[in-house]
Amino acid sequence: MPIVHDFGNFQIYIYFRDHGEPHFHVVAPDYEAKVSINNPAILAGELPSGVLRKVRRWAVAKRAMLISRWNEQN
């Protein structure tokens, strides 16, 4: 499971051969969530509101890279 981005207190992963709609995982010691790439909404899990805002801004800015990484690994 390669790290796509490290925010310090949490990381973004795209797992090899994952299923479902294109998504990434936000992982931290105290929370975890699966987030859609196409519309950065939480598909499963929970994130603190500040983390969710940061993840959404980042995902919108990096959408092309995320889609490319998803296609490479799935």
N, C-alpha and C. Protein backbone atom coordinates (compact mmCIF):
# COMPACT_ATOMS: atom_id res chain seq x y z
N MET A 1 0.84 -1.18 0.00
CA MET A 1 0.00 0.00 0.00
C MET A 1 0.88 1.24 0.00
N PRO A 2 1.12 1.78 -1.16
CA PRO A 2 1.99 2.94 -1.25
C PRO A 2 1.34 4.22 -0.72
N ILE A 3 2.15 4.99 -0.04
CA ILE A 3 1.70 6.30 0.42
C ILE A 3 1.67 7.24 -0.78
N VAL A 4 0.55 7.90 -0.97
CA VAL A 4 0.41 8.87 -2.04
C VAL A 4 0.86 10.24 -1.55
N HIS A 5 0.54 10.55 -0.28
CA HIS A 5 0.95 11.82 0.31
C HIS A 5 1.00 11.67 1.83
N ASP A 6 1.98 12.31 2.43
CA ASP A 6 2.13 12.29 3.88
C ASP A 6 1.92 13.70 4.42
N PHE A 7 0.85 13.89 5.17
CA PHE A 7 0.55 15.18 5.76
C PHE A 7 1.18 15.34 7.14
N GLY A 8 1.94 14.35 7.58
CA GLY A 8 2.57 14.41 8.90
C GLY A 8 1.74 13.68 9.94
N ASN A 9 0.55 14.20 10.25
CA ASN A 9 -0.29 13.55 11.25
C ASN A 9 -1.27 12.54 10.63
N PHE A 10 -1.34 12.50 9.30
CA PHE A 10 -2.11 11.47 8.61
C PHE A 10 -1.53 11.28 7.22
N GLN A 11 -1.83 10.12 6.62
CA GLN A 11 -1.31 9.78 5.31
C GLN A 11 -2.45 9.42 4.37
N ILE A 12 -2.16 9.56 3.06
CA ILE A 12 -3.10 9.18 2.01
C ILE A 12 -2.52 7.96 1.31
N TYR A 13 -3.34 6.91 1.15
CA TYR A 13 -2.94 5.68 0.49
C TYR A 13 -3.91 5.35 -0.64
N ILE A 14 -3.40 4.69 -1.67
CA ILE A 14 -4.25 4.00 -2.65
C ILE A 14 -3.76 2.57 -2.63
N TYR A 15 -4.62 1.66 -2.23
CA TYR A 15 -4.24 0.25 -2.09
C TYR A 15 -4.21 -0.44 -3.45
N PHE A 16 -3.27 -1.36 -3.61
CA PHE A 16 -3.18 -2.16 -4.83
C PHE A 16 -4.44 -3.00 -4.99
N ARG A 17 -4.94 -3.06 -6.21
CA ARG A 17 -6.08 -3.91 -6.58
C ARG A 17 -7.29 -3.71 -5.67
N ASP A 18 -7.53 -2.47 -5.31
CA ASP A 18 -8.71 -2.16 -4.50
C ASP A 18 -9.94 -2.21 -5.42
N HIS A 19 -11.11 -2.27 -4.85
CA HIS A 19 -12.33 -2.40 -5.63
C HIS A 19 -13.25 -1.22 -5.36
N GLY A 20 -14.32 -1.17 -6.14
CA GLY A 20 -15.29 -0.09 -5.99
C GLY A 20 -14.91 1.11 -6.81
N GLU A 21 -15.62 2.20 -6.57
CA GLU A 21 -15.32 3.42 -7.31
C GLU A 21 -13.94 3.93 -6.93
N PRO A 22 -13.30 4.72 -7.81
CA PRO A 22 -11.96 5.24 -7.49
C PRO A 22 -11.98 6.01 -6.17
N HIS A 23 -11.06 5.64 -5.29
CA HIS A 23 -11.02 6.25 -3.97
C HIS A 23 -9.62 6.13 -3.38
N PHE A 24 -9.42 6.84 -2.29
CA PHE A 24 -8.17 6.75 -1.53
C PHE A 24 -8.52 6.62 -0.06
N HIS A 25 -7.53 6.24 0.71
CA HIS A 25 -7.72 6.04 2.15
C HIS A 25 -6.93 7.09 2.92
N VAL A 26 -7.56 7.67 3.91
CA VAL A 26 -6.91 8.60 4.83
C VAL A 26 -6.70 7.81 6.12
N VAL A 27 -5.43 7.71 6.55
CA VAL A 27 -5.11 6.86 7.70
C VAL A 27 -4.31 7.66 8.72
N ALA A 28 -4.76 7.60 9.95
CA ALA A 28 -4.07 8.22 11.08
C ALA A 28 -4.24 7.29 12.29
N PRO A 29 -3.49 7.52 13.34
CA PRO A 29 -3.63 6.64 14.51
C PRO A 29 -5.04 6.62 15.11
N ASP A 30 -5.76 7.75 15.04
CA ASP A 30 -7.06 7.84 15.71
C ASP A 30 -8.27 7.82 14.79
N TYR A 31 -8.05 7.78 13.48
CA TYR A 31 -9.17 7.77 12.54
C TYR A 31 -8.73 7.21 11.20
N GLU A 32 -9.72 6.81 10.41
CA GLU A 32 -9.47 6.30 9.07
C GLU A 32 -10.74 6.48 8.25
N ALA A 33 -10.56 6.79 6.97
CA ALA A 33 -11.72 6.96 6.10
C ALA A 33 -11.35 6.61 4.66
N LYS A 34 -12.35 6.22 3.91
CA LYS A 34 -12.23 5.99 2.48
C LYS A 34 -12.92 7.16 1.81
N VAL A 35 -12.23 7.82 0.86
CA VAL A 35 -12.73 9.05 0.26
C VAL A 35 -12.76 8.90 -1.26
N SER A 36 -13.85 9.28 -1.87
CA SER A 36 -14.00 9.23 -3.32
C SER A 36 -13.03 10.20 -3.99
N ILE A 37 -12.46 9.77 -5.12
CA ILE A 37 -11.59 10.66 -5.89
C ILE A 37 -12.43 11.62 -6.72
N ASN A 38 -13.48 11.14 -7.35
CA ASN A 38 -14.28 11.97 -8.26
C ASN A 38 -15.01 13.10 -7.55
N ASN A 39 -15.51 12.83 -6.38
CA ASN A 39 -16.19 13.83 -5.55
C ASN A 39 -15.67 13.59 -4.15
N PRO A 40 -14.72 14.37 -3.67
CA PRO A 40 -14.06 14.01 -2.42
C PRO A 40 -15.00 13.99 -1.21
N ALA A 41 -15.86 12.98 -1.20
CA ALA A 41 -16.79 12.76 -0.10
C ALA A 41 -16.39 11.46 0.60
N ILE A 42 -16.67 11.37 1.87
CA ILE A 42 -16.37 10.17 2.63
C ILE A 42 -17.30 9.04 2.21
N LEU A 43 -16.71 7.92 1.84
CA LEU A 43 -17.48 6.72 1.48
C LEU A 43 -17.64 5.79 2.68
N ALA A 44 -16.65 5.79 3.57
CA ALA A 44 -16.69 4.95 4.77
C ALA A 44 -15.75 5.56 5.80
N GLY A 45 -16.07 5.38 7.06
CA GLY A 45 -15.23 5.90 8.13
C GLY A 45 -15.59 7.32 8.49
N GLU A 46 -14.71 7.95 9.27
CA GLU A 46 -14.93 9.32 9.74
C GLU A 46 -13.61 10.06 9.80
N LEU A 47 -13.70 11.38 9.60
CA LEU A 47 -12.54 12.26 9.73
C LEU A 47 -12.93 13.48 10.55
N PRO A 48 -12.00 14.01 11.34
CA PRO A 48 -12.28 15.29 11.99
C PRO A 48 -12.55 16.35 10.93
N SER A 49 -13.39 17.32 11.24
CA SER A 49 -13.81 18.31 10.24
C SER A 49 -12.64 19.06 9.63
N GLY A 50 -11.65 19.42 10.41
CA GLY A 50 -10.48 20.13 9.86
C GLY A 50 -9.69 19.27 8.90
N VAL A 51 -9.55 18.01 9.22
CA VAL A 51 -8.85 17.08 8.33
C VAL A 51 -9.64 16.89 7.05
N LEU A 52 -10.94 16.75 7.15
CA LEU A 52 -11.78 16.58 5.97
C LEU A 52 -11.66 17.78 5.03
N ARG A 53 -11.68 18.98 5.56
CA ARG A 53 -11.52 20.18 4.72
C ARG A 53 -10.16 20.16 4.00
N LYS A 54 -9.11 19.83 4.74
CA LYS A 54 -7.76 19.78 4.16
C LYS A 54 -7.68 18.70 3.07
N VAL A 55 -8.24 17.52 3.35
CA VAL A 55 -8.23 16.42 2.39
C VAL A 55 -9.02 16.79 1.13
N ARG A 56 -10.16 17.41 1.29
CA ARG A 56 -10.97 17.80 0.14
C ARG A 56 -10.24 18.80 -0.75
N ARG A 57 -9.64 19.82 -0.14
CA ARG A 57 -8.88 20.81 -0.93
C ARG A 57 -7.73 20.14 -1.68
N TRP A 58 -7.01 19.27 -0.99
CA TRP A 58 -5.88 18.57 -1.59
C TRP A 58 -6.37 17.67 -2.73
N ALA A 59 -7.44 16.91 -2.50
CA ALA A 59 -7.95 15.97 -3.51
C ALA A 59 -8.43 16.68 -4.77
N VAL A 60 -9.06 17.82 -4.63
CA VAL A 60 -9.51 18.59 -5.79
C VAL A 60 -8.29 19.06 -6.58
N ALA A 61 -7.27 19.56 -5.89
CA ALA A 61 -6.07 20.05 -6.57
C ALA A 61 -5.27 18.92 -7.22
N LYS A 62 -5.33 17.73 -6.66
CA LYS A 62 -4.52 16.59 -7.13
C LYS A 62 -5.34 15.52 -7.83
N ARG A 63 -6.54 15.86 -8.28
CA ARG A 63 -7.45 14.86 -8.86
C ARG A 63 -6.81 14.08 -10.01
N ALA A 64 -6.16 14.76 -10.94
CA ALA A 64 -5.55 14.08 -12.09
C ALA A 64 -4.50 13.07 -11.63
N MET A 65 -3.68 13.44 -10.68
CA MET A 65 -2.67 12.53 -10.15
C MET A 65 -3.32 11.34 -9.46
N LEU A 66 -4.37 11.58 -8.69
CA LEU A 66 -5.06 10.50 -7.99
C LEU A 66 -5.67 9.51 -8.96
N ILE A 67 -6.31 10.00 -10.01
CA ILE A 67 -6.89 9.11 -11.03
C ILE A 67 -5.79 8.29 -11.70
N SER A 68 -4.69 8.93 -12.01
CA SER A 68 -3.57 8.22 -12.63
C SER A 68 -3.04 7.13 -11.71
N ARG A 69 -2.85 7.44 -10.45
CA ARG A 69 -2.36 6.44 -9.49
C ARG A 69 -3.36 5.30 -9.32
N TRP A 70 -4.65 5.63 -9.26
CA TRP A 70 -5.70 4.61 -9.15
C TRP A 70 -5.61 3.65 -10.35
N ASN A 71 -5.50 4.21 -11.55
CA ASN A 71 -5.44 3.39 -12.76
C ASN A 71 -4.18 2.53 -12.82
N GLU A 72 -3.07 3.02 -12.31
CA GLU A 72 -1.83 2.27 -12.28
C GLU A 72 -1.92 1.06 -11.34
N GLN A 73 -2.64 1.21 -10.25
CA GLN A 73 -2.62 0.21 -9.19
C GLN A 73 -3.83 -0.70 -9.19
N ASN A 74 -4.78 -0.44 -10.08
CA ASN A 74 -6.00 -1.26 -10.07
C ASN A 74 -6.33 -1.79 -11.43
